Amino acid sequence: MTHYIHNINPILLEIGGPLAVRWYGISYLMGFIACILLLRRWSKRGEFEVPEKEVSNFVVLLAFFGVFLGGRLGYVLFYGFDSFLEDPLYVFRVWDGGMASHGGFIGVILFLVWYAKKNHHHFLNLTDHMAVTTSLGFAFGRLANFVNGELWGRASDVKWAVVFPQSAHLHYGQYTIPEIERMVEAGQLVPRHPSQLYQAFAEGFLVFGIMMLLRRTAWGKRPGAPSISYLALYALARIAMEFFREPDSTIYLGWLTKGQLYSAVMIAVAVIVAWQLNLFRRSSATEQHG
């Protein structure tokens, strides 16, 4: 059976030297634009507390301090701490890749705590609206992971399996298709699940659709409900998709990956916070964010 061989240039436009427009950056940009458009719409309706004219600045600050800084530090602490101990400058080498979604969550939450206090907004109003838009960012980010040929899936013989030369440390431009075909025939490369696409759908577009529907329900309008729902939905989707993704070197109990462990912690946190907010009790009247 002939499988698709990943051979996508991760660079959209060469600028000169190390500078280039990459699909990875474009994906983040698309996610942030979608976020801005939705938040402006909700702000105009009076649902989102950040004034419409300030939404763009809010998202830019959130992107830098929450997503990028939190995501990078999270990756270094959760997945690349040994590399950091060997070379502390590793934390700055973002061009080598390495962003952790769980670190991004922590970074975003810390940023929202600071922003809410500084601008006298209600924290849950910010988190509830960001919870809906965040999944779009994940969707575009996972699509970029596929373009980059990174975070590939486990070996598989399904018809849609993909051969990732990157799994043999070969990057775009360093090989020819006939060479890859010979490596596959020799068993040096194996087809794998395109788990990045699975994650783009499950953690991104599917969760986004559910969150948009949840906004229309009485329970979904209760302060904190969208935030808690998103944490649980993302974590469940991530746990499920990890069964298709090639795990890192650390495995617990013979099958549990780091991503699944951190996601399980997210579910526990979601349940505890939901209990503290009394979200499990019935509400006869719709509660508004205040």
C-alpha atoms as a PDB file:
ATOM      1  CA  MET A   1       0.000   0.000   0.000  1.00  0.00           C
ATOM      2  CA  THR A   2       1.326   3.444  -0.929  1.00  0.00           C
ATOM      3  CA  HIS A   3       1.009   5.988   1.842  1.00  0.00           C
ATOM      4  CA  TYR A   4       1.162   9.755   1.603  1.00  0.00           C
ATOM      5  CA  ILE A   5       4.682  11.084   2.212  1.00  0.00           C
ATOM      6  CA  HIS A   6       4.772  14.354   4.106  1.00  0.00           C
ATOM      7  CA  ASN A   7       6.679  16.824   1.946  1.00  0.00           C
ATOM      8  CA  ILE A   8       5.391  20.297   2.829  1.00  0.00           C
ATOM      9  CA  ASN A   9       7.580  23.384   2.968  1.00  0.00           C
ATOM     10  CA  PRO A  10       7.006  24.973   6.403  1.00  0.00           C
ATOM     11  CA  ILE A  11       8.119  28.345   5.011  1.00  0.00           C
ATOM     12  CA  LEU A  12       5.607  30.389   3.061  1.00  0.00           C
ATOM     13  CA  LEU A  13       7.944  33.264   2.152  1.00  0.00           C
ATOM     14  CA  GLU A  14      11.719  33.646   2.469  1.00  0.00           C
ATOM     15  CA  ILE A  15      12.729  37.123   3.651  1.00  0.00           C
ATOM     16  CA  GLY A  16      16.460  36.721   4.100  1.00  0.00           C
ATOM     17  CA  GLY A  17      18.808  34.972   6.495  1.00  0.00           C
ATOM     18  CA  PRO A  18      16.904  33.365   9.356  1.00  0.00           C
ATOM     19  CA  LEU A  19      13.888  35.588   8.710  1.00  0.00           C
ATOM     20  CA  ALA A  20      10.925  34.003   6.971  1.00  0.00           C
ATOM     21  CA  VAL A  21       7.150  33.898   6.995  1.00  0.00           C
ATOM     22  CA  ARG A  22       6.242  30.449   8.277  1.00  0.00           C
ATOM     23  CA  TRP A  23       2.937  28.613   8.192  1.00  0.00           C
ATOM     24  CA  TYR A  24       3.257  28.205  11.959  1.00  0.00           C
ATOM     25  CA  GLY A  25       3.173  31.962  12.431  1.00  0.00           C
ATOM     26  CA  ILE A  26       0.306  32.308   9.968  1.00  0.00           C
ATOM     27  CA  SER A  27      -1.716  29.770  11.940  1.00  0.00           C
ATOM     28  CA  TYR A  28      -1.251  31.709  15.176  1.00  0.00           C
ATOM     29  CA  LEU A  29      -2.219  34.911  13.375  1.00  0.00           C
ATOM     30  CA  MET A  30      -5.413  33.321  12.051  1.00  0.00           C
ATOM     31  CA  GLY A  31      -6.301  32.128  15.530  1.00  0.00           C
ATOM     32  CA  PHE A  32      -5.774  35.568  17.044  1.00  0.00           C
ATOM     33  CA  ILE A  33      -7.777  37.279  14.283  1.00  0.00           C
ATOM     34  CA  ALA A  34     -10.686  34.888  14.851  1.00  0.00           C
ATOM     35  CA  CYS A  35     -10.429  35.593  18.578  1.00  0.00           C
ATOM     36  CA  ILE A  36     -10.464  39.370  18.041  1.00  0.00           C
ATOM     37  CA  LEU A  37     -13.486  39.231  15.736  1.00  0.00           C
ATOM     38  CA  LEU A  38     -15.539  37.132  18.147  1.00  0.00           C
ATOM     39  CA  LEU A  39     -14.587  39.162  21.221  1.00  0.00           C
ATOM     40  CA  ARG A  40     -15.396  42.429  19.449  1.00  0.00           C
ATOM     41  CA  ARG A  41     -18.804  41.056  18.507  1.00  0.00           C
ATOM     42  CA  TRP A  42     -19.544  40.037  22.086  1.00  0.00           C
ATOM     43  CA  SER A  43     -18.161  43.319  23.428  1.00  0.00           C
ATOM     44  CA  LYS A  44     -20.443  45.289  21.099  1.00  0.00           C
ATOM     45  CA  ARG A  45     -23.401  43.310  22.459  1.00  0.00           C
ATOM     46  CA  GLY A  46     -22.366  44.177  26.013  1.00  0.00           C
ATOM     47  CA  GLU A  47     -21.580  40.564  26.895  1.00  0.00           C
ATOM     48  CA  PHE A  48     -17.778  40.879  27.091  1.00  0.00           C
ATOM     49  CA  GLU A  49     -16.518  43.493  29.558  1.00  0.00           C
ATOM     50  CA  VAL A  50     -13.444  44.632  27.622  1.00  0.00           C
ATOM     51  CA  PRO A  51     -14.483  47.675  25.503  1.00  0.00           C
ATOM     52  CA  GLU A  52     -14.632  46.973  21.782  1.00  0.00           C
ATOM     53  CA  LYS A  53     -11.856  49.451  20.974  1.00  0.00           C
ATOM     54  CA  GLU A  54      -9.524  47.765  23.477  1.00  0.00           C
ATOM     55  CA  VAL A  55     -10.092  44.174  22.363  1.00  0.00           C
ATOM     56  CA  SER A  56      -7.166  44.127  19.904  1.00  0.00           C
ATOM     57  CA  ASN A  57      -4.667  45.321  22.527  1.00  0.00           C
ATOM     58  CA  PHE A  58      -6.109  42.835  25.000  1.00  0.00           C
ATOM     59  CA  VAL A  59      -5.564  39.925  22.605  1.00  0.00           C
ATOM     60  CA  VAL A  60      -2.021  41.057  21.694  1.00  0.00           C
ATOM     61  CA  LEU A  61      -1.023  41.225  25.369  1.00  0.00           C
ATOM     62  CA  LEU A  62      -2.708  37.896  26.039  1.00  0.00           C
ATOM     63  CA  ALA A  63      -0.891  36.336  23.096  1.00  0.00           C
ATOM     64  CA  PHE A  64       2.552  37.468  24.216  1.00  0.00           C
ATOM     65  CA  PHE A  65       2.396  37.069  27.988  1.00  0.00           C
ATOM     66  CA  GLY A  66      -0.082  34.220  28.157  1.00  0.00           C
ATOM     67  CA  VAL A  67       0.198  32.057  25.066  1.00  0.00           C
ATOM     68  CA  PHE A  68       3.813  32.527  23.939  1.00  0.00           C
ATOM     69  CA  LEU A  69       5.573  33.109  27.260  1.00  0.00           C
ATOM     70  CA  GLY A  70       3.422  30.625  29.160  1.00  0.00           C
ATOM     71  CA  GLY A  71       3.567  28.068  26.376  1.00  0.00           C
ATOM     72  CA  ARG A  72       7.343  28.272  26.053  1.00  0.00           C
ATOM     73  CA  LEU A  73       8.078  28.181  29.776  1.00  0.00           C
ATOM     74  CA  GLY A  74       5.587  25.350  30.140  1.00  0.00           C
ATOM     75  CA  TYR A  75       7.352  23.334  27.438  1.00  0.00           C
ATOM     76  CA  VAL A  76      10.731  23.867  29.067  1.00  0.00           C
ATOM     77  CA  LEU A  77       9.457  22.881  32.519  1.00  0.00           C
ATOM     78  CA  PHE A  78       7.181  20.001  31.504  1.00  0.00           C
ATOM     79  CA  TYR A  79       9.014  18.489  28.539  1.00  0.00           C
ATOM     80  CA  GLY A  80      12.480  20.004  28.105  1.00  0.00           C
ATOM     81  CA  PHE A  81      13.783  20.542  31.621  1.00  0.00           C
ATOM     82  CA  ASP A  82      16.826  18.299  31.079  1.00  0.00           C
ATOM     83  CA  SER A  83      17.808  20.371  28.029  1.00  0.00           C
ATOM     84  CA  PHE A  84      17.363  23.538  30.101  1.00  0.00           C
ATOM     85  CA  LEU A  85      19.654  22.203  32.841  1.00  0.00           C
ATOM     86  CA  GLU A  86      22.323  21.419  30.241  1.00  0.00           C
ATOM     87  CA  ASP A  87      21.949  24.806  28.570  1.00  0.00           C
ATOM     88  CA  PRO A  88      19.859  27.549  30.272  1.00  0.00           C
ATOM     89  CA  LEU A  89      19.776  29.496  26.974  1.00  0.00           C
ATOM     90  CA  TYR A  90      17.580  26.689  25.631  1.00  0.00           C
ATOM     91  CA  VAL A  91      14.570  28.595  26.959  1.00  0.00           C
ATOM     92  CA  PHE A  92      15.184  31.311  24.348  1.00  0.00           C
ATOM     93  CA  ARG A  93      15.678  29.013  21.340  1.00  0.00           C
ATOM     94  CA  VAL A  94      12.069  29.153  20.233  1.00  0.00           C
ATOM     95  CA  TRP A  95      13.112  28.610  16.593  1.00  0.00           C
ATOM     96  CA  ASP A  96      13.889  25.009  17.545  1.00  0.00           C
ATOM     97  CA  GLY A  97      10.204  24.549  18.373  1.00  0.00           C
ATOM     98  CA  GLY A  98       8.596  23.706  21.668  1.00  0.00           C
ATOM     99  CA  MET A  99       5.318  25.129  22.966  1.00  0.00           C
ATOM    100  CA  ALA A 100       3.213  23.352  25.590  1.00  0.00           C
ATOM    101  CA  SER A 101      -0.548  23.813  25.579  1.00  0.00           C
ATOM    102  CA  HIS A 102      -0.775  23.158  29.318  1.00  0.00           C
ATOM    103  CA  GLY A 103       1.838  25.846  29.946  1.00  0.00           C
ATOM    104  CA  GLY A 104      -0.158  28.167  27.720  1.00  0.00           C
ATOM    105  CA  PHE A 105      -3.250  27.550  29.868  1.00  0.00           C
ATOM    106  CA  ILE A 106      -1.385  28.528  33.006  1.00  0.00           C
ATOM    107  CA  GLY A 107       0.096  31.596  31.317  1.00  0.00           C
ATOM    108  CA  VAL A 108      -3.298  32.751  30.033  1.00  0.00           C
ATOM    109  CA  ILE A 109      -4.958  32.315  33.428  1.00  0.00           C
ATOM    110  CA  LEU A 110      -2.217  34.278  35.202  1.00  0.00           C
ATOM    111  CA  PHE A 111      -2.458  37.036  32.604  1.00  0.00           C
ATOM    112  CA  LEU A 112      -6.257  37.224  32.965  1.00  0.00           C
ATOM    113  CA  VAL A 113      -5.949  37.460  36.749  1.00  0.00           C
ATOM    114  CA  TRP A 114      -3.617  40.439  36.352  1.00  0.00           C
ATOM    115  CA  TYR A 115      -5.670  42.081  33.568  1.00  0.00           C
ATOM    116  CA  ALA A 116      -8.963  41.730  35.443  1.00  0.00           C
ATOM    117  CA  LYS A 117      -7.524  43.277  38.594  1.00  0.00           C
ATOM    118  CA  LYS A 118      -5.768  46.091  36.734  1.00  0.00           C
ATOM    119  CA  ASN A 119      -8.804  47.086  34.666  1.00  0.00           C
ATOM    120  CA  HIS A 120     -11.514  46.261  37.231  1.00  0.00           C
ATOM    121  CA  HIS A 121     -13.130  43.528  35.140  1.00  0.00           C
ATOM    122  CA  HIS A 122     -14.728  40.372  36.477  1.00  0.00           C
ATOM    123  CA  PHE A 123     -12.275  37.506  36.096  1.00  0.00           C
ATOM    124  CA  LEU A 124     -14.931  34.956  35.136  1.00  0.00           C
ATOM    125  CA  ASN A 125     -16.322  37.240  32.446  1.00  0.00           C
ATOM    126  CA  LEU A 126     -12.896  37.252  30.795  1.00  0.00           C
ATOM    127  CA  THR A 127     -12.241  33.546  31.178  1.00  0.00           C
ATOM    128  CA  ASP A 128     -15.721  32.510  30.032  1.00  0.00           C
ATOM    129  CA  HIS A 129     -15.400  34.352  26.733  1.00  0.00           C
ATOM    130  CA  MET A 130     -11.791  33.371  26.163  1.00  0.00           C
ATOM    131  CA  ALA A 131     -12.750  29.750  26.803  1.00  0.00           C
ATOM    132  CA  VAL A 132     -14.945  29.770  23.710  1.00  0.00           C
ATOM    133  CA  THR A 133     -12.364  31.303  21.387  1.00  0.00           C
ATOM    134  CA  THR A 134      -9.297  29.413  22.621  1.00  0.00           C
ATOM    135  CA  SER A 135     -10.256  26.206  20.819  1.00  0.00           C
ATOM    136  CA  LEU A 136      -9.985  27.949  17.447  1.00  0.00           C
ATOM    137  CA  GLY A 137      -6.394  28.840  18.245  1.00  0.00           C
ATOM    138  CA  PHE A 138      -5.701  25.199  19.050  1.00  0.00           C
ATOM    139  CA  ALA A 139      -7.288  24.094  15.777  1.00  0.00           C
ATOM    140  CA  PHE A 140      -5.076  26.347  13.669  1.00  0.00           C
ATOM    141  CA  GLY A 141      -2.048  25.469  15.778  1.00  0.00           C
ATOM    142  CA  ARG A 142      -2.528  21.722  15.240  1.00  0.00           C
ATOM    143  CA  LEU A 143      -2.900  22.269  11.498  1.00  0.00           C
ATOM    144  CA  ALA A 144       0.446  24.077  11.602  1.00  0.00           C
ATOM    145  CA  ASN A 145       1.940  21.125  13.498  1.00  0.00           C
ATOM    146  CA  PHE A 146       0.931  18.942  10.560  1.00  0.00           C
ATOM    147  CA  VAL A 147       2.463  21.350   8.037  1.00  0.00           C
ATOM    148  CA  ASN A 148       5.692  21.321  10.060  1.00  0.00           C
ATOM    149  CA  GLY A 149       5.634  17.528  10.244  1.00  0.00           C
ATOM    150  CA  GLU A 150       6.027  17.630  14.031  1.00  0.00           C
ATOM    151  CA  LEU A 151       4.207  15.880  16.879  1.00  0.00           C
ATOM    152  CA  TRP A 152       3.421  12.972  14.566  1.00  0.00           C
ATOM    153  CA  GLY A 153       1.276  10.006  15.494  1.00  0.00           C
ATOM    154  CA  ARG A 154       1.944   6.413  16.400  1.00  0.00           C
ATOM    155  CA  ALA A 155       2.808   3.834  13.777  1.00  0.00           C
ATOM    156  CA  SER A 156      -0.284   2.652  11.899  1.00  0.00           C
ATOM    157  CA  ASP A 157      -1.364   0.802   8.770  1.00  0.00           C
ATOM    158  CA  VAL A 158      -4.647   2.694   8.240  1.00  0.00           C
ATOM    159  CA  LYS A 159      -5.246   3.828   4.668  1.00  0.00           C
ATOM    160  CA  TRP A 160      -4.763   7.503   5.545  1.00  0.00           C
ATOM    161  CA  ALA A 161      -1.504   6.980   7.466  1.00  0.00           C
ATOM    162  CA  VAL A 162       1.286   9.415   6.641  1.00  0.00           C
ATOM    163  CA  VAL A 163       5.028   8.891   6.338  1.00  0.00           C
ATOM    164  CA  PHE A 164       6.795  11.678   8.237  1.00  0.00           C
ATOM    165  CA  PRO A 165      10.479  11.981   7.196  1.00  0.00           C
ATOM    166  CA  GLN A 166      10.895  14.185  10.273  1.00  0.00           C
ATOM    167  CA  SER A 167      10.545  11.062  12.436  1.00  0.00           C
ATOM    168  CA  ALA A 168      13.928  10.030  10.998  1.00  0.00           C
ATOM    169  CA  HIS A 169      15.347  13.534  11.601  1.00  0.00           C
ATOM    170  CA  LEU A 170      14.984  14.465   7.929  1.00  0.00           C
ATOM    171  CA  HIS A 171      13.507  17.882   7.241  1.00  0.00           C
ATOM    172  CA  TYR A 172      12.044  19.457   4.130  1.00  0.00           C
ATOM    173  CA  GLY A 173      14.685  19.805   1.414  1.00  0.00           C
ATOM    174  CA  GLN A 174      16.997  17.179   2.920  1.00  0.00           C
ATOM    175  CA  TYR A 175      15.558  14.213   1.021  1.00  0.00           C
ATOM    176  CA  THR A 176      13.874  13.102  -2.180  1.00  0.00           C
ATOM    177  CA  ILE A 177      10.642  11.140  -2.423  1.00  0.00           C
ATOM    178  CA  PRO A 178      12.386   8.054  -3.930  1.00  0.00           C
ATOM    179  CA  GLU A 179      14.798   8.057  -0.974  1.00  0.00           C
ATOM    180  CA  ILE A 180      11.896   8.087   1.482  1.00  0.00           C
ATOM    181  CA  GLU A 181      10.139   5.303  -0.414  1.00  0.00           C
ATOM    182  CA  ARG A 182      13.257   3.158  -0.147  1.00  0.00           C
ATOM    183  CA  MET A 183      13.481   3.856   3.592  1.00  0.00           C
ATOM    184  CA  VAL A 184       9.861   2.779   3.995  1.00  0.00           C
ATOM    185  CA  GLU A 185      10.510  -0.442   2.071  1.00  0.00           C
ATOM    186  CA  ALA A 186      13.540  -1.117   4.268  1.00  0.00           C
ATOM    187  CA  GLY A 187      11.505  -0.532   7.425  1.00  0.00           C
ATOM    188  CA  GLN A 188      13.555   2.536   8.402  1.00  0.00           C
ATOM    189  CA  LEU A 189      10.434   4.684   8.235  1.00  0.00           C
ATOM    190  CA  VAL A 190       6.876   3.627   9.066  1.00  0.00           C
ATOM    191  CA  PRO A 191       3.508   5.218   8.223  1.00  0.00           C
ATOM    192  CA  ARG A 192       1.898   6.975  11.175  1.00  0.00           C
ATOM    193  CA  HIS A 193      -1.408   8.417  12.286  1.00  0.00           C
ATOM    194  CA  PRO A 194      -1.716  12.086  11.222  1.00  0.00           C
ATOM    195  CA  SER A 195      -2.603  12.785  14.843  1.00  0.00           C
ATOM    196  CA  GLN A 196      -2.111  16.528  14.372  1.00  0.00           C
ATOM    197  CA  LEU A 197      -5.209  16.540  12.141  1.00  0.00           C
ATOM    198  CA  TYR A 198      -7.146  14.438  14.655  1.00  0.00           C
ATOM    199  CA  GLN A 199      -6.241  16.957  17.352  1.00  0.00           C
ATOM    200  CA  ALA A 200      -7.130  19.920  15.163  1.00  0.00           C
ATOM    201  CA  PHE A 201     -10.619  18.486  14.794  1.00  0.00           C
ATOM    202  CA  ALA A 202     -11.204  17.115  18.314  1.00  0.00           C
ATOM    203  CA  GLU A 203      -9.372  19.672  20.491  1.00  0.00           C
ATOM    204  CA  GLY A 204     -10.137  22.546  18.130  1.00  0.00           C
ATOM    205  CA  PHE A 205     -13.151  22.641  15.860  1.00  0.00           C
ATOM    206  CA  LEU A 206     -15.276  20.070  17.720  1.00  0.00           C
ATOM    207  CA  VAL A 207     -14.744  21.677  21.127  1.00  0.00           C
ATOM    208  CA  PHE A 208     -15.393  25.107  19.593  1.00  0.00           C
ATOM    209  CA  GLY A 209     -18.710  23.932  18.173  1.00  0.00           C
ATOM    210  CA  ILE A 210     -19.776  22.470  21.512  1.00  0.00           C
ATOM    211  CA  MET A 211     -18.779  25.654  23.337  1.00  0.00           C
ATOM    212  CA  MET A 212     -20.760  27.827  20.924  1.00  0.00           C
ATOM    213  CA  LEU A 213     -23.833  25.659  21.528  1.00  0.00           C
ATOM    214  CA  LEU A 214     -23.236  25.771  25.273  1.00  0.00           C
ATOM    215  CA  ARG A 215     -23.351  29.588  25.207  1.00  0.00           C
ATOM    216  CA  ARG A 216     -27.007  29.363  24.198  1.00  0.00           C
ATOM    217  CA  THR A 217     -28.063  27.273  27.174  1.00  0.00           C
ATOM    218  CA  ALA A 218     -29.161  28.600  30.561  1.00  0.00           C
ATOM    219  CA  TRP A 219     -26.415  26.645  32.318  1.00  0.00           C
ATOM    220  CA  GLY A 220     -23.816  27.959  29.882  1.00  0.00           C
ATOM    221  CA  LYS A 221     -24.710  31.528  30.800  1.00  0.00           C
ATOM    222  CA  ARG A 222     -23.834  31.005  34.458  1.00  0.00           C
ATOM    223  CA  PRO A 223     -20.555  32.686  35.481  1.00  0.00           C
ATOM    224  CA  GLY A 224     -17.733  30.186  35.307  1.00  0.00           C
ATOM    225  CA  ALA A 225     -19.672  27.471  33.467  1.00  0.00           C
ATOM    226  CA  PRO A 226     -18.031  28.059  30.038  1.00  0.00           C
ATOM    227  CA  SER A 227     -14.570  28.163  31.627  1.00  0.00           C
ATOM    228  CA  ILE A 228     -15.053  24.912  33.510  1.00  0.00           C
ATOM    229  CA  SER A 229     -16.697  23.256  30.523  1.00  0.00           C
ATOM    230  CA  TYR A 230     -13.815  24.174  28.270  1.00  0.00           C
ATOM    231  CA  LEU A 231     -11.189  22.824  30.671  1.00  0.00           C
ATOM    232  CA  ALA A 232     -13.042  19.509  30.877  1.00  0.00           C
ATOM    233  CA  LEU A 233     -13.811  19.250  27.154  1.00  0.00           C
ATOM    234  CA  TYR A 234     -10.274  20.075  26.071  1.00  0.00           C
ATOM    235  CA  ALA A 235      -8.793  17.679  28.618  1.00  0.00           C
ATOM    236  CA  LEU A 236     -11.074  14.825  27.523  1.00  0.00           C
ATOM    237  CA  ALA A 237     -10.289  15.459  23.860  1.00  0.00           C
ATOM    238  CA  ARG A 238      -6.562  15.617  24.592  1.00  0.00           C
ATOM    239  CA  ILE A 239      -6.630  12.379  26.592  1.00  0.00           C
ATOM    240  CA  ALA A 240      -8.434  10.601  23.742  1.00  0.00           C
ATOM    241  CA  MET A 241      -6.139  11.959  21.023  1.00  0.00           C
ATOM    242  CA  GLU A 242      -2.998  11.006  22.953  1.00  0.00           C
ATOM    243  CA  PHE A 243      -3.776   7.372  22.143  1.00  0.00           C
ATOM    244  CA  PHE A 244      -3.014   8.195  18.484  1.00  0.00           C
ATOM    245  CA  ARG A 245      -0.054  10.507  19.086  1.00  0.00           C
ATOM    246  CA  GLU A 246       3.519   9.271  19.473  1.00  0.00           C
ATOM    247  CA  PRO A 247       4.230   9.707  23.199  1.00  0.00           C
ATOM    248  CA  ASP A 248       7.331  11.286  24.650  1.00  0.00           C
ATOM    249  CA  SER A 249       9.893   9.176  26.463  1.00  0.00           C
ATOM    250  CA  THR A 250       8.151   9.407  29.853  1.00  0.00           C
ATOM    251  CA  ILE A 251       5.278   6.941  30.299  1.00  0.00           C
ATOM    252  CA  TYR A 252       3.453   6.285  33.563  1.00  0.00           C
ATOM    253  CA  LEU A 253       1.811   2.973  34.537  1.00  0.00           C
ATOM    254  CA  GLY A 254       2.919   1.535  31.225  1.00  0.00           C
ATOM    255  CA  TRP A 255       0.470   3.585  29.109  1.00  0.00           C
ATOM    256  CA  LEU A 256      -0.210   7.045  30.600  1.00  0.00           C
ATOM    257  CA  THR A 257       1.528   9.894  28.745  1.00  0.00           C
ATOM    258  CA  LYS A 258       2.514  13.233  30.215  1.00  0.00           C
ATOM    259  CA  GLY A 259      -0.164  14.933  28.128  1.00  0.00           C
ATOM    260  CA  GLN A 260      -2.824  12.613  29.543  1.00  0.00           C
ATOM    261  CA  LEU A 261      -1.567  13.089  33.099  1.00  0.00           C
ATOM    262  CA  TYR A 262      -1.634  16.882  32.843  1.00  0.00           C
ATOM    263  CA  SER A 263      -5.084  16.706  31.225  1.00  0.00           C
ATOM    264  CA  ALA A 264      -6.366  14.522  34.064  1.00  0.00           C
ATOM    265  CA  VAL A 265      -5.171  17.215  36.473  1.00  0.00           C
ATOM    266  CA  MET A 266      -7.134  19.772  34.427  1.00  0.00           C
ATOM    267  CA  ILE A 267     -10.307  17.722  34.837  1.00  0.00           C
ATOM    268  CA  ALA A 268      -9.742  17.488  38.591  1.00  0.00           C
ATOM    269  CA  VAL A 269      -9.218  21.258  38.785  1.00  0.00           C
ATOM    270  CA  ALA A 270     -12.372  21.833  36.713  1.00  0.00           C
ATOM    271  CA  VAL A 271     -14.458  19.675  39.068  1.00  0.00           C
ATOM    272  CA  ILE A 272     -13.070  21.374  42.192  1.00  0.00           C
ATOM    273  CA  VAL A 273     -13.637  24.885  40.830  1.00  0.00           C
ATOM    274  CA  ALA A 274     -17.129  23.978  39.587  1.00  0.00           C
ATOM    275  CA  TRP A 275     -17.947  22.735  43.073  1.00  0.00           C
ATOM    276  CA  GLN A 276     -16.627  25.944  44.634  1.00  0.00           C
ATOM    277  CA  LEU A 277     -18.759  28.001  42.226  1.00  0.00           C
ATOM    278  CA  ASN A 278     -21.835  25.896  42.987  1.00  0.00           C
ATOM    279  CA  LEU A 279     -22.207  25.033  39.321  1.00  0.00           C
ATOM    280  CA  PHE A 280     -23.551  21.586  40.159  1.00  0.00           C
ATOM    281  CA  ARG A 281     -26.653  22.973  41.859  1.00  0.00           C
ATOM    282  CA  ARG A 282     -29.782  23.674  39.866  1.00  0.00           C
ATOM    283  CA  SER A 283     -30.570  27.276  38.945  1.00  0.00           C
ATOM    284  CA  SER A 284     -34.140  28.285  38.271  1.00  0.00           C
ATOM    285  CA  ALA A 285     -33.201  31.608  36.778  1.00  0.00           C
ATOM    286  CA  THR A 286     -30.538  32.483  34.261  1.00  0.00           C
ATOM    287  CA  GLU A 287     -27.553  34.078  35.947  1.00  0.00           C
ATOM    288  CA  GLN A 288     -25.724  36.831  34.111  1.00  0.00           C
ATOM    289  CA  HIS A 289     -22.047  37.624  34.275  1.00  0.00           C
ATOM    290  CA  GLY A 290     -21.523  40.401  36.699  1.00  0.00           C
END
